[in-house]
């Protein structure tokens, strides 16, 4: 049997609606890359395993990234169309 398409965000680039249910950050990044035409780099591969549950509807990339960064205690840096996400280092 053919596996049914289970990605609820397959048309997100058209609809502007994204749904994530315990979705690994690696998959969230891939969706954001497709929807917003950017490249997202995670500073550590282990970050890609973090899971996000959230709904977005016609939100800006900045808003979505703000939610992701606050949720996982990350910081972002943008150079052109590439966005770098890294863990916020603990400082005393």
PDB file of N, CA and C in Angstrom:
ATOM      1  N   UNK A   1       0.833  -1.192   0.000  1.00  0.00           N
ATOM      2  CA  UNK A   1       0.000   0.000   0.000  1.00  0.00           C
ATOM      3  C   UNK A   1       0.874   1.251   0.000  1.00  0.00           C
ATOM      4  N   UNK A   2       0.353   2.277  -0.561  1.00  0.00           N
ATOM      5  CA  UNK A   2       1.072   3.551  -0.610  1.00  0.00           C
ATOM      6  C   UNK A   2       0.789   4.307   0.682  1.00  0.00           C
ATOM      7  N   UNK A   3       1.871   4.835   1.277  1.00  0.00           N
ATOM      8  CA  UNK A   3       1.697   5.596   2.518  1.00  0.00           C
ATOM      9  C   UNK A   3       0.976   6.906   2.206  1.00  0.00           C
ATOM     10  N   UNK A   4      -0.073   7.164   2.954  1.00  0.00           N
ATOM     11  CA  UNK A   4      -0.852   8.384   2.758  1.00  0.00           C
ATOM     12  C   UNK A   4      -0.038   9.600   3.174  1.00  0.00           C
ATOM     13  N   UNK A   5      -0.192  10.692   2.445  1.00  0.00           N
ATOM     14  CA  UNK A   5       0.511  11.935   2.771  1.00  0.00           C
ATOM     15  C   UNK A   5       0.043  12.414   4.142  1.00  0.00           C
ATOM     16  N   UNK A   6       0.964  12.476   5.086  1.00  0.00           N
ATOM     17  CA  UNK A   6       0.593  12.856   6.444  1.00  0.00           C
ATOM     18  C   UNK A   6       1.098  14.231   6.847  1.00  0.00           C
ATOM     19  N   UNK A   7       1.798  14.917   5.954  1.00  0.00           N
ATOM     20  CA  UNK A   7       2.311  16.245   6.284  1.00  0.00           C
ATOM     21  C   UNK A   7       1.174  17.259   6.160  1.00  0.00           C
ATOM     22  N   UNK A   8       0.695  17.777   7.310  1.00  0.00           N
ATOM     23  CA  UNK A   8      -0.414  18.731   7.248  1.00  0.00           C
ATOM     24  C   UNK A   8      -0.004  20.075   6.640  1.00  0.00           C
ATOM     25  N   UNK A   9       1.294  20.256   6.425  1.00  0.00           N
ATOM     26  CA  UNK A   9       1.788  21.545   5.942  1.00  0.00           C
ATOM     27  C   UNK A   9       2.191  21.529   4.476  1.00  0.00           C
ATOM     28  N   UNK A  10       1.763  20.504   3.759  1.00  0.00           N
ATOM     29  CA  UNK A  10       2.177  20.371   2.369  1.00  0.00           C
ATOM     30  C   UNK A  10       1.737  21.572   1.523  1.00  0.00           C
ATOM     31  N   UNK A  11       0.626  22.200   1.862  1.00  0.00           N
ATOM     32  CA  UNK A  11       0.156  23.378   1.126  1.00  0.00           C
ATOM     33  C   UNK A  11       0.343  24.678   1.899  1.00  0.00           C
ATOM     34  N   UNK A  12       1.156  24.653   2.932  1.00  0.00           N
ATOM     35  CA  UNK A  12       1.332  25.835   3.783  1.00  0.00           C
ATOM     36  C   UNK A  12       1.842  27.043   3.008  1.00  0.00           C
ATOM     37  N   UNK A  13       2.645  26.811   1.989  1.00  0.00           N
ATOM     38  CA  UNK A  13       3.176  27.946   1.210  1.00  0.00           C
ATOM     39  C   UNK A  13       2.060  28.666   0.456  1.00  0.00           C
ATOM     40  N   UNK A  14       0.922  27.992   0.261  1.00  0.00           N
ATOM     41  CA  UNK A  14      -0.230  28.617  -0.388  1.00  0.00           C
ATOM     42  C   UNK A  14      -1.200  29.164   0.656  1.00  0.00           C
ATOM     43  N   UNK A  15      -1.498  28.331   1.661  1.00  0.00           N
ATOM     44  CA  UNK A  15      -2.540  28.682   2.637  1.00  0.00           C
ATOM     45  C   UNK A  15      -2.050  29.602   3.743  1.00  0.00           C
ATOM     46  N   UNK A  16      -0.729  29.573   4.023  1.00  0.00           N
ATOM     47  CA  UNK A  16      -0.196  30.361   5.136  1.00  0.00           C
ATOM     48  C   UNK A  16      -0.472  29.727   6.482  1.00  0.00           C
ATOM     49  N   UNK A  17      -1.045  28.518   6.487  1.00  0.00           N
ATOM     50  CA  UNK A  17      -1.372  27.835   7.740  1.00  0.00           C
ATOM     51  C   UNK A  17      -0.419  26.673   7.965  1.00  0.00           C
ATOM     52  N   UNK A  18       0.147  26.630   9.167  1.00  0.00           N
ATOM     53  CA  UNK A  18       1.060  25.548   9.524  1.00  0.00           C
ATOM     54  C   UNK A  18       0.623  24.950  10.848  1.00  0.00           C
ATOM     55  N   UNK A  19       0.644  23.630  10.904  1.00  0.00           N
ATOM     56  CA  UNK A  19       0.281  22.911  12.117  1.00  0.00           C
ATOM     57  C   UNK A  19       1.416  21.961  12.474  1.00  0.00           C
ATOM     58  N   UNK A  20       1.873  22.060  13.706  1.00  0.00           N
ATOM     59  CA  UNK A  20       2.928  21.172  14.185  1.00  0.00           C
ATOM     60  C   UNK A  20       2.424  20.459  15.431  1.00  0.00           C
ATOM     61  N   UNK A  21       2.500  19.133  15.443  1.00  0.00           N
ATOM     62  CA  UNK A  21       2.087  18.315  16.586  1.00  0.00           C
ATOM     63  C   UNK A  21       3.246  17.424  16.980  1.00  0.00           C
ATOM     64  N   UNK A  22       3.950  17.819  18.040  1.00  0.00           N
ATOM     65  CA  UNK A  22       5.127  17.049  18.463  1.00  0.00           C
ATOM     66  C   UNK A  22       6.069  16.835  17.268  1.00  0.00           C
ATOM     67  N   UNK A  23       6.243  17.895  16.497  1.00  0.00           N
ATOM     68  CA  UNK A  23       7.047  17.834  15.272  1.00  0.00           C
ATOM     69  C   UNK A  23       8.502  18.171  15.599  1.00  0.00           C
ATOM     70  N   UNK A  24       9.447  17.313  15.191  1.00  0.00           N
ATOM     71  CA  UNK A  24      10.862  17.619  15.428  1.00  0.00           C
ATOM     72  C   UNK A  24      11.255  18.948  14.778  1.00  0.00           C
ATOM     73  N   UNK A  25      12.111  19.696  15.455  1.00  0.00           N
ATOM     74  CA  UNK A  25      12.529  21.012  14.959  1.00  0.00           C
ATOM     75  C   UNK A  25      13.153  20.909  13.571  1.00  0.00           C
ATOM     76  N   UNK A  26      13.785  19.790  13.271  1.00  0.00           N
ATOM     77  CA  UNK A  26      14.360  19.603  11.934  1.00  0.00           C
ATOM     78  C   UNK A  26      13.258  19.675  10.880  1.00  0.00           C
ATOM     79  N   UNK A  27      12.114  19.029  11.138  1.00  0.00           N
ATOM     80  CA  UNK A  27      10.997  19.064  10.191  1.00  0.00           C
ATOM     81  C   UNK A  27      10.337  20.445  10.166  1.00  0.00           C
ATOM     82  N   UNK A  28      10.251  21.095  11.336  1.00  0.00           N
ATOM     83  CA  UNK A  28       9.708  22.452  11.394  1.00  0.00           C
ATOM     84  C   UNK A  28      10.566  23.366  10.515  1.00  0.00           C
ATOM     85  N   UNK A  29      11.875  23.239  10.639  1.00  0.00           N
ATOM     86  CA  UNK A  29      12.806  24.061   9.844  1.00  0.00           C
ATOM     87  C   UNK A  29      12.599  23.831   8.360  1.00  0.00           C
ATOM     88  N   UNK A  30      12.418  22.573   7.962  1.00  0.00           N
ATOM     89  CA  UNK A  30      12.210  22.261   6.550  1.00  0.00           C
ATOM     90  C   UNK A  30      10.927  22.904   6.036  1.00  0.00           C
ATOM     91  N   UNK A  31       9.879  22.881   6.853  1.00  0.00           N
ATOM     92  CA  UNK A  31       8.615  23.518   6.462  1.00  0.00           C
ATOM     93  C   UNK A  31       8.807  25.027   6.314  1.00  0.00           C
ATOM     94  N   UNK A  32       9.490  25.640   7.289  1.00  0.00           N
ATOM     95  CA  UNK A  32       9.715  27.089   7.226  1.00  0.00           C
ATOM     96  C   UNK A  32      10.556  27.453   6.005  1.00  0.00           C
ATOM     97  N   UNK A  33      11.539  26.624   5.684  1.00  0.00           N
ATOM     98  CA  UNK A  33      12.369  26.883   4.505  1.00  0.00           C
ATOM     99  C   UNK A  33      11.507  26.899   3.245  1.00  0.00           C
ATOM    100  N   UNK A  34      10.599  25.944   3.161  1.00  0.00           N
ATOM    101  CA  UNK A  34       9.732  25.821   1.981  1.00  0.00           C
ATOM    102  C   UNK A  34       8.728  26.977   1.905  1.00  0.00           C
ATOM    103  N   UNK A  35       8.128  27.322   3.057  1.00  0.00           N
ATOM    104  CA  UNK A  35       7.078  28.343   3.073  1.00  0.00           C
ATOM    105  C   UNK A  35       7.643  29.751   2.875  1.00  0.00           C
ATOM    106  N   UNK A  36       8.775  30.039   3.514  1.00  0.00           N
ATOM    107  CA  UNK A  36       9.303  31.412   3.507  1.00  0.00           C
ATOM    108  C   UNK A  36      10.513  31.594   2.584  1.00  0.00           C
ATOM    109  N   UNK A  37      10.913  30.524   1.872  1.00  0.00           N
ATOM    110  CA  UNK A  37      12.030  30.585   0.936  1.00  0.00           C
ATOM    111  C   UNK A  37      13.309  31.103   1.597  1.00  0.00           C
ATOM    112  N   UNK A  38      13.670  30.448   2.706  1.00  0.00           N
ATOM    113  CA  UNK A  38      14.903  30.768   3.432  1.00  0.00           C
ATOM    114  C   UNK A  38      15.660  29.467   3.699  1.00  0.00           C
ATOM    115  N   UNK A  39      16.872  29.594   4.180  1.00  0.00           N
ATOM    116  CA  UNK A  39      17.681  28.443   4.586  1.00  0.00           C
ATOM    117  C   UNK A  39      17.854  28.550   6.099  1.00  0.00           C
ATOM    118  N   UNK A  40      17.540  27.491   6.830  1.00  0.00           N
ATOM    119  CA  UNK A  40      17.672  27.516   8.288  1.00  0.00           C
ATOM    120  C   UNK A  40      18.730  26.510   8.710  1.00  0.00           C
ATOM    121  N   UNK A  41      19.696  26.991   9.465  1.00  0.00           N
ATOM    122  CA  UNK A  41      20.795  26.158   9.945  1.00  0.00           C
ATOM    123  C   UNK A  41      20.699  26.024  11.459  1.00  0.00           C
ATOM    124  N   UNK A  42      20.720  24.789  11.946  1.00  0.00           N
ATOM    125  CA  UNK A  42      20.735  24.528  13.392  1.00  0.00           C
ATOM    126  C   UNK A  42      22.186  24.315  13.800  1.00  0.00           C
ATOM    127  N   UNK A  43      22.616  24.982  14.871  1.00  0.00           N
ATOM    128  CA  UNK A  43      24.022  24.912  15.270  1.00  0.00           C
ATOM    129  C   UNK A  43      24.414  23.541  15.821  1.00  0.00           C
ATOM    130  N   UNK A  44      23.435  22.779  16.310  1.00  0.00           N
ATOM    131  CA  UNK A  44      23.704  21.440  16.836  1.00  0.00           C
ATOM    132  C   UNK A  44      22.664  20.486  16.269  1.00  0.00           C
ATOM    133  N   UNK A  45      23.098  19.319  15.834  1.00  0.00           N
ATOM    134  CA  UNK A  45      22.144  18.361  15.262  1.00  0.00           C
ATOM    135  C   UNK A  45      21.109  17.914  16.287  1.00  0.00           C
ATOM    136  N   UNK A  46      21.487  17.889  17.577  1.00  0.00           N
ATOM    137  CA  UNK A  46      20.547  17.459  18.621  1.00  0.00           C
ATOM    138  C   UNK A  46      19.350  18.409  18.731  1.00  0.00           C
ATOM    139  N   UNK A  47      19.525  19.660  18.310  1.00  0.00           N
ATOM    140  CA  UNK A  47      18.415  20.616  18.343  1.00  0.00           C
ATOM    141  C   UNK A  47      17.285  20.149  17.428  1.00  0.00           C
ATOM    142  N   UNK A  48      17.626  19.457  16.368  1.00  0.00           N
ATOM    143  CA  UNK A  48      16.641  18.994  15.409  1.00  0.00           C
ATOM    144  C   UNK A  48      15.654  17.993  15.971  1.00  0.00           C
ATOM    145  N   UNK A  49      15.997  17.410  17.128  1.00  0.00           N
ATOM    146  CA  UNK A  49      15.123  16.415  17.749  1.00  0.00           C
ATOM    147  C   UNK A  49      14.109  17.035  18.714  1.00  0.00           C
ATOM    148  N   UNK A  50      14.308  18.303  19.076  1.00  0.00           N
ATOM    149  CA  UNK A  50      13.358  18.990  19.953  1.00  0.00           C
ATOM    150  C   UNK A  50      11.998  19.004  19.269  1.00  0.00           C
ATOM    151  N   UNK A  51      10.923  18.855  20.038  1.00  0.00           N
ATOM    152  CA  UNK A  51       9.591  18.743  19.438  1.00  0.00           C
ATOM    153  C   UNK A  51       8.744  19.992  19.699  1.00  0.00           C
ATOM    154  N   UNK A  52       8.059  20.445  18.646  1.00  0.00           N
ATOM    155  CA  UNK A  52       7.220  21.640  18.720  1.00  0.00           C
ATOM    156  C   UNK A  52       5.764  21.277  18.452  1.00  0.00           C
ATOM    157  N   UNK A  53       4.882  21.811  19.292  1.00  0.00           N
ATOM    158  CA  UNK A  53       3.447  21.734  19.048  1.00  0.00           C
ATOM    159  C   UNK A  53       2.941  23.172  18.984  1.00  0.00           C
ATOM    160  N   UNK A  54       2.457  23.565  17.802  1.00  0.00           N
ATOM    161  CA  UNK A  54       1.989  24.943  17.615  1.00  0.00           C
ATOM    162  C   UNK A  54       1.190  25.037  16.319  1.00  0.00           C
ATOM    163  N   UNK A  55       0.344  26.046  16.264  1.00  0.00           N
ATOM    164  CA  UNK A  55      -0.410  26.367  15.052  1.00  0.00           C
ATOM    165  C   UNK A  55      -0.081  27.801  14.655  1.00  0.00           C
ATOM    166  N   UNK A  56       0.121  28.011  13.364  1.00  0.00           N
ATOM    167  CA  UNK A  56       0.370  29.351  12.849  1.00  0.00           C
ATOM    168  C   UNK A  56      -0.571  29.587  11.679  1.00  0.00           C
ATOM    169  N   UNK A  57      -1.090  30.795  11.584  1.00  0.00           N
ATOM    170  CA  UNK A  57      -1.986  31.128  10.486  1.00  0.00           C
ATOM    171  C   UNK A  57      -1.603  32.492   9.922  1.00  0.00           C
ATOM    172  N   UNK A  58      -0.994  32.469   8.754  1.00  0.00           N
ATOM    173  CA  UNK A  58      -0.585  33.686   8.061  1.00  0.00           C
ATOM    174  C   UNK A  58       0.286  34.594   8.922  1.00  0.00           C
ATOM    175  N   UNK A  59       1.196  33.978   9.687  1.00  0.00           N
ATOM    176  CA  UNK A  59       2.123  34.742  10.515  1.00  0.00           C
ATOM    177  C   UNK A  59       3.401  35.023   9.735  1.00  0.00           C
ATOM    178  N   UNK A  60       4.079  36.098  10.126  1.00  0.00           N
ATOM    179  CA  UNK A  60       5.353  36.431   9.488  1.00  0.00           C
ATOM    180  C   UNK A  60       6.420  35.439   9.939  1.00  0.00           C
ATOM    181  N   UNK A  61       7.465  35.315   9.146  1.00  0.00           N
ATOM    182  CA  UNK A  61       8.592  34.462   9.515  1.00  0.00           C
ATOM    183  C   UNK A  61       9.178  34.917  10.836  1.00  0.00           C
ATOM    184  N   UNK A  62       9.301  36.224  11.043  1.00  0.00           N
ATOM    185  CA  UNK A  62       9.857  36.735  12.297  1.00  0.00           C
ATOM    186  C   UNK A  62       9.042  36.269  13.493  1.00  0.00           C
ATOM    187  N   UNK A  63       7.720  36.294  13.376  1.00  0.00           N
ATOM    188  CA  UNK A  63       6.862  35.857  14.478  1.00  0.00           C
ATOM    189  C   UNK A  63       7.061  34.368  14.761  1.00  0.00           C
ATOM    190  N   UNK A  64       7.056  33.562  13.713  1.00  0.00           N
ATOM    191  CA  UNK A  64       7.224  32.110  13.892  1.00  0.00           C
ATOM    192  C   UNK A  64       8.578  31.811  14.527  1.00  0.00           C
ATOM    193  N   UNK A  65       9.625  32.471  14.052  1.00  0.00           N
ATOM    194  CA  UNK A  65      10.959  32.250  14.622  1.00  0.00           C
ATOM    195  C   UNK A  65      11.030  32.711  16.068  1.00  0.00           C
ATOM    196  N   UNK A  66      10.327  33.790  16.402  1.00  0.00           N
ATOM    197  CA  UNK A  66      10.304  34.260  17.785  1.00  0.00           C
ATOM    198  C   UNK A  66       9.691  33.186  18.686  1.00  0.00           C
ATOM    199  N   UNK A  67       8.596  32.583  18.246  1.00  0.00           N
ATOM    200  CA  UNK A  67       7.954  31.520  19.022  1.00  0.00           C
ATOM    201  C   UNK A  67       8.907  30.331  19.182  1.00  0.00           C
ATOM    202  N   UNK A  68       9.559  29.942  18.103  1.00  0.00           N
ATOM    203  CA  UNK A  68      10.501  28.811  18.154  1.00  0.00           C
ATOM    204  C   UNK A  68      11.648  29.120  19.121  1.00  0.00           C
ATOM    205  N   UNK A  69      12.195  30.319  19.024  1.00  0.00           N
ATOM    206  CA  UNK A  69      13.335  30.691  19.874  1.00  0.00           C
ATOM    207  C   UNK A  69      12.951  30.746  21.352  1.00  0.00           C
ATOM    208  N   UNK A  70      11.801  31.310  21.665  1.00  0.00           N
ATOM    209  CA  UNK A  70      11.358  31.380  23.058  1.00  0.00           C
ATOM    210  C   UNK A  70      11.069  29.967  23.588  1.00  0.00           C
ATOM    211  N   UNK A  71      10.431  29.148  22.767  1.00  0.00           N
ATOM    212  CA  UNK A  71      10.071  27.792  23.185  1.00  0.00           C
ATOM    213  C   UNK A  71      11.298  26.955  23.529  1.00  0.00           C
ATOM    214  N   UNK A  72      12.339  27.051  22.725  1.00  0.00           N
ATOM    215  CA  UNK A  72      13.510  26.193  22.899  1.00  0.00           C
ATOM    216  C   UNK A  72      14.738  26.919  23.443  1.00  0.00           C
ATOM    217  N   UNK A  73      14.556  28.156  23.905  1.00  0.00           N
ATOM    218  CA  UNK A  73      15.665  28.931  24.458  1.00  0.00           C
ATOM    219  C   UNK A  73      16.805  29.069  23.435  1.00  0.00           C
ATOM    220  N   UNK A  74      16.430  29.551  22.256  1.00  0.00           N
ATOM    221  CA  UNK A  74      17.392  29.712  21.171  1.00  0.00           C
ATOM    222  C   UNK A  74      17.555  31.184  20.827  1.00  0.00           C
ATOM    223  N   UNK A  75      18.648  31.465  20.144  1.00  0.00           N
ATOM    224  CA  UNK A  75      18.837  32.793  19.575  1.00  0.00           C
ATOM    225  C   UNK A  75      19.023  32.624  18.078  1.00  0.00           C
ATOM    226  N   UNK A  76      18.721  33.691  17.343  1.00  0.00           N
ATOM    227  CA  UNK A  76      18.832  33.607  15.891  1.00  0.00           C
ATOM    228  C   UNK A  76      19.704  34.723  15.355  1.00  0.00           C
ATOM    229  N   UNK A  77      20.288  34.437  14.227  1.00  0.00           N
ATOM    230  CA  UNK A  77      21.143  35.393  13.529  1.00  0.00           C
ATOM    231  C   UNK A  77      20.858  35.198  12.048  1.00  0.00           C
ATOM    232  N   UNK A  78      20.639  36.292  11.340  1.00  0.00           N
ATOM    233  CA  UNK A  78      20.295  36.189   9.919  1.00  0.00           C
ATOM    234  C   UNK A  78      21.366  36.832   9.065  1.00  0.00           C
ATOM    235  N   UNK A  79      21.738  36.116   8.022  1.00  0.00           N
ATOM    236  CA  UNK A  79      22.658  36.647   7.013  1.00  0.00           C
ATOM    237  C   UNK A  79      22.011  36.392   5.663  1.00  0.00           C
ATOM    238  N   UNK A  80      21.445  37.423   5.068  1.00  0.00           N
ATOM    239  CA  UNK A  80      20.750  37.268   3.798  1.00  0.00           C
ATOM    240  C   UNK A  80      19.540  36.362   3.961  1.00  0.00           C
ATOM    241  N   UNK A  81      19.492  35.291   3.170  1.00  0.00           N
ATOM    242  CA  UNK A  81      18.381  34.355   3.247  1.00  0.00           C
ATOM    243  C   UNK A  81      18.675  33.167   4.154  1.00  0.00           C
ATOM    244  N   UNK A  82      19.779  33.224   4.894  1.00  0.00           N
ATOM    245  CA  UNK A  82      20.137  32.130   5.798  1.00  0.00           C
ATOM    246  C   UNK A  82      19.927  32.563   7.242  1.00  0.00           C
ATOM    247  N   UNK A  83      19.224  31.712   7.992  1.00  0.00           N
ATOM    248  CA  UNK A  83      18.954  31.985   9.406  1.00  0.00           C
ATOM    249  C   UNK A  83      19.662  30.917  10.224  1.00  0.00           C
ATOM    250  N   UNK A  84      20.457  31.366  11.181  1.00  0.00           N
ATOM    251  CA  UNK A  84      21.205  30.466  12.049  1.00  0.00           C
ATOM    252  C   UNK A  84      20.525  30.435  13.414  1.00  0.00           C
ATOM    253  N   UNK A  85      20.194  29.249  13.889  1.00  0.00           N
ATOM    254  CA  UNK A  85      19.599  29.090  15.221  1.00  0.00           C
ATOM    255  C   UNK A  85      20.609  28.377  16.106  1.00  0.00           C
ATOM    256  N   UNK A  86      20.801  28.922  17.303  1.00  0.00           N
ATOM    257  CA  UNK A  86      21.727  28.295  18.253  1.00  0.00           C
ATOM    258  C   UNK A  86      21.163  28.448  19.667  1.00  0.00           C
ATOM    259  N   UNK A  87      21.628  27.567  20.530  1.00  0.00           N
ATOM    260  CA  UNK A  87      21.182  27.618  21.925  1.00  0.00           C
ATOM    261  C   UNK A  87      21.753  28.873  22.591  1.00  0.00           C
ATOM    262  N   UNK A  88      20.944  29.483  23.458  1.00  0.00           N
ATOM    263  CA  UNK A  88      21.430  30.633  24.220  1.00  0.00           C
ATOM    264  C   UNK A  88      22.345  30.082  25.294  1.00  0.00           C
ATOM    265  N   UNK A  89      23.576  30.561  25.316  1.00  0.00           N
ATOM    266  CA  UNK A  89      24.517  30.049  26.305  1.00  0.00           C
ATOM    267  C   UNK A  89      24.185  30.602  27.678  1.00  0.00           C
ATOM    268  N   UNK A  90      24.327  29.751  28.657  1.00  0.00           N
ATOM    269  CA  UNK A  90      24.059  30.173  30.043  1.00  0.00           C
ATOM    270  C   UNK A  90      25.205  31.072  30.499  1.00  0.00           C
ATOM    271  N   UNK A  91      24.845  32.253  30.963  1.00  0.00           N
ATOM    272  CA  UNK A  91      25.865  33.187  31.451  1.00  0.00           C
ATOM    273  C   UNK A  91      25.576  33.538  32.890  1.00  0.00           C
ATOM    274  N   UNK A  92      26.635  33.656  33.656  1.00  0.00           N
ATOM    275  CA  UNK A  92      26.448  34.010  35.073  1.00  0.00           C
ATOM    276  C   UNK A  92      26.696  35.480  35.285  1.00  0.00           C
TER     277      UNK A  92
END
